[in-house]
Amino acid sequence: MRLPIEHGEFQLGYYSNSLDDKEHLTLHMGDIANGENVLVRVHSECLTGDTFGSRRCDCGEQLDHSLQLIAEEGRGLLIYLRQEGRGIGL
């Protein structure tokens, strides 16, 4: 599915993990299967940082910066793991 965001147009996908039955998300841009090196970010979900911009962590900043780098490169992959780290004590 096409997903236009601040940094450009990405493709949104998901996959199921048979170990925990969770659906994890992927965002990719460009041709990531052409055999060349590709930027990859594995990001653990952080509700407060990613969604609300919490200043108790830098998760949202890391996510945004990763998407910016992928957009600048014109190709790359973000794997968004649906496993809340909750490093801020929730």
C-alpha atoms as a PDB file:
ATOM      1  CA  MET A   1       0.000   0.000   0.000  1.00  0.00           C
ATOM      2  CA  ARG A   2       1.344   3.429  -0.900  1.00  0.00           C
ATOM      3  CA  LEU A   3       1.889   5.703   2.097  1.00  0.00           C
ATOM      4  CA  PRO A   4       2.889   9.320   1.470  1.00  0.00           C
ATOM      5  CA  ILE A   5       4.636  10.792   4.513  1.00  0.00           C
ATOM      6  CA  GLU A   6       6.706  13.876   5.274  1.00  0.00           C
ATOM      7  CA  HIS A   7       9.848  12.330   3.765  1.00  0.00           C
ATOM      8  CA  GLY A   8       8.304  11.001   0.567  1.00  0.00           C
ATOM      9  CA  GLU A   9       6.238   8.101  -0.661  1.00  0.00           C
ATOM     10  CA  PHE A  10       6.854   4.748   0.997  1.00  0.00           C
ATOM     11  CA  GLN A  11       5.268   1.346   0.601  1.00  0.00           C
ATOM     12  CA  LEU A  12       3.590   0.003   3.745  1.00  0.00           C
ATOM     13  CA  GLY A  13       3.526  -3.719   4.396  1.00  0.00           C
ATOM     14  CA  TYR A  14       3.154  -6.130   7.269  1.00  0.00           C
ATOM     15  CA  TYR A  15       4.073  -9.632   8.233  1.00  0.00           C
ATOM     16  CA  SER A  16       3.015 -12.017  10.974  1.00  0.00           C
ATOM     17  CA  ASN A  17       5.438 -13.508  13.429  1.00  0.00           C
ATOM     18  CA  SER A  18       4.547 -17.091  14.296  1.00  0.00           C
ATOM     19  CA  LEU A  19       6.425 -16.844  17.600  1.00  0.00           C
ATOM     20  CA  ASP A  20       4.190 -14.186  19.148  1.00  0.00           C
ATOM     21  CA  ASP A  21       1.287 -13.889  16.658  1.00  0.00           C
ATOM     22  CA  LYS A  22       1.923 -10.158  16.299  1.00  0.00           C
ATOM     23  CA  GLU A  23       1.737  -8.301  13.020  1.00  0.00           C
ATOM     24  CA  HIS A  24       4.818  -6.171  12.436  1.00  0.00           C
ATOM     25  CA  LEU A  25       5.034  -3.371   9.880  1.00  0.00           C
ATOM     26  CA  THR A  26       7.466  -2.509   7.123  1.00  0.00           C
ATOM     27  CA  LEU A  27       8.024   0.716   5.236  1.00  0.00           C
ATOM     28  CA  HIS A  28      10.195   0.631   2.166  1.00  0.00           C
ATOM     29  CA  MET A  29      11.196   2.985  -0.581  1.00  0.00           C
ATOM     30  CA  GLY A  30      12.703   2.141  -3.936  1.00  0.00           C
ATOM     31  CA  ASP A  31      14.065  -1.172  -5.168  1.00  0.00           C
ATOM     32  CA  ILE A  32      15.411  -2.992  -2.120  1.00  0.00           C
ATOM     33  CA  ALA A  33      15.814  -6.361  -3.850  1.00  0.00           C
ATOM     34  CA  ASN A  34      18.343  -5.468  -6.546  1.00  0.00           C
ATOM     35  CA  GLY A  35      21.336  -7.064  -4.821  1.00  0.00           C
ATOM     36  CA  GLU A  36      22.961  -3.803  -3.751  1.00  0.00           C
ATOM     37  CA  ASN A  37      23.511  -2.716  -0.157  1.00  0.00           C
ATOM     38  CA  VAL A  38      20.409  -1.150   1.351  1.00  0.00           C
ATOM     39  CA  LEU A  39      19.753   0.975   4.430  1.00  0.00           C
ATOM     40  CA  VAL A  40      17.754  -0.951   7.041  1.00  0.00           C
ATOM     41  CA  ARG A  41      16.365   0.256  10.354  1.00  0.00           C
ATOM     42  CA  VAL A  42      14.821  -2.177  12.852  1.00  0.00           C
ATOM     43  CA  HIS A  43      12.685  -0.069  15.185  1.00  0.00           C
ATOM     44  CA  SER A  44      10.776  -1.223  18.266  1.00  0.00           C
ATOM     45  CA  GLU A  45       7.406   0.417  18.723  1.00  0.00           C
ATOM     46  CA  CYS A  46       7.356   3.269  21.218  1.00  0.00           C
ATOM     47  CA  LEU A  47       3.894   4.738  21.630  1.00  0.00           C
ATOM     48  CA  THR A  48       4.947   7.765  23.643  1.00  0.00           C
ATOM     49  CA  GLY A  49       8.013   8.630  21.579  1.00  0.00           C
ATOM     50  CA  ASP A  50       6.807   7.725  18.084  1.00  0.00           C
ATOM     51  CA  THR A  51       3.257   9.045  18.388  1.00  0.00           C
ATOM     52  CA  PHE A  52       3.294  11.743  21.050  1.00  0.00           C
ATOM     53  CA  GLY A  53       6.874  13.017  20.756  1.00  0.00           C
ATOM     54  CA  SER A  54       7.752  12.288  24.379  1.00  0.00           C
ATOM     55  CA  ARG A  55      10.920  13.972  25.560  1.00  0.00           C
ATOM     56  CA  ARG A  56      11.692  11.091  27.915  1.00  0.00           C
ATOM     57  CA  CYS A  57      13.146   9.122  25.026  1.00  0.00           C
ATOM     58  CA  ASP A  58      14.515   9.759  21.559  1.00  0.00           C
ATOM     59  CA  CYS A  59      12.587   6.967  19.822  1.00  0.00           C
ATOM     60  CA  GLY A  60      10.521   9.323  17.684  1.00  0.00           C
ATOM     61  CA  GLU A  61      13.634  11.239  16.648  1.00  0.00           C
ATOM     62  CA  GLN A  62      15.410   8.002  15.713  1.00  0.00           C
ATOM     63  CA  LEU A  63      12.423   6.868  13.662  1.00  0.00           C
ATOM     64  CA  ASP A  64      12.145  10.208  11.866  1.00  0.00           C
ATOM     65  CA  HIS A  65      15.880  10.381  11.180  1.00  0.00           C
ATOM     66  CA  SER A  66      15.875   6.850   9.764  1.00  0.00           C
ATOM     67  CA  LEU A  67      13.039   7.665   7.376  1.00  0.00           C
ATOM     68  CA  GLN A  68      14.835  10.851   6.347  1.00  0.00           C
ATOM     69  CA  LEU A  69      18.036   8.916   5.554  1.00  0.00           C
ATOM     70  CA  ILE A  70      16.104   6.339   3.537  1.00  0.00           C
ATOM     71  CA  ALA A  71      14.378   9.111   1.577  1.00  0.00           C
ATOM     72  CA  GLU A  72      17.694  10.852   0.887  1.00  0.00           C
ATOM     73  CA  GLU A  73      19.145   7.569  -0.378  1.00  0.00           C
ATOM     74  CA  GLY A  74      16.033   6.932  -2.453  1.00  0.00           C
ATOM     75  CA  ARG A  75      15.742   3.362  -1.220  1.00  0.00           C
ATOM     76  CA  GLY A  76      15.697   1.516   2.068  1.00  0.00           C
ATOM     77  CA  LEU A  77      13.653  -0.491   4.539  1.00  0.00           C
ATOM     78  CA  LEU A  78      12.228   0.197   7.974  1.00  0.00           C
ATOM     79  CA  ILE A  79      11.045  -2.790  10.020  1.00  0.00           C
ATOM     80  CA  TYR A  80       8.672  -1.621  12.760  1.00  0.00           C
ATOM     81  CA  LEU A  81       8.392  -4.259  15.479  1.00  0.00           C
ATOM     82  CA  ARG A  82       5.147  -4.191  17.439  1.00  0.00           C
ATOM     83  CA  GLN A  83       6.890  -4.794  20.752  1.00  0.00           C
ATOM     84  CA  GLU A  84       6.573  -1.817  23.039  1.00  0.00           C
ATOM     85  CA  GLY A  85       9.884  -1.261  24.782  1.00  0.00           C
ATOM     86  CA  ARG A  86       8.279   0.864  27.515  1.00  0.00           C
ATOM     87  CA  GLY A  87      11.629   2.095  28.659  1.00  0.00           C
ATOM     88  CA  ILE A  88       9.978   5.108  30.287  1.00  0.00           C
ATOM     89  CA  GLY A  89       8.227   3.097  32.976  1.00  0.00           C
ATOM     90  CA  LEU A  90       4.710   2.503  31.619  1.00  0.00           C
END
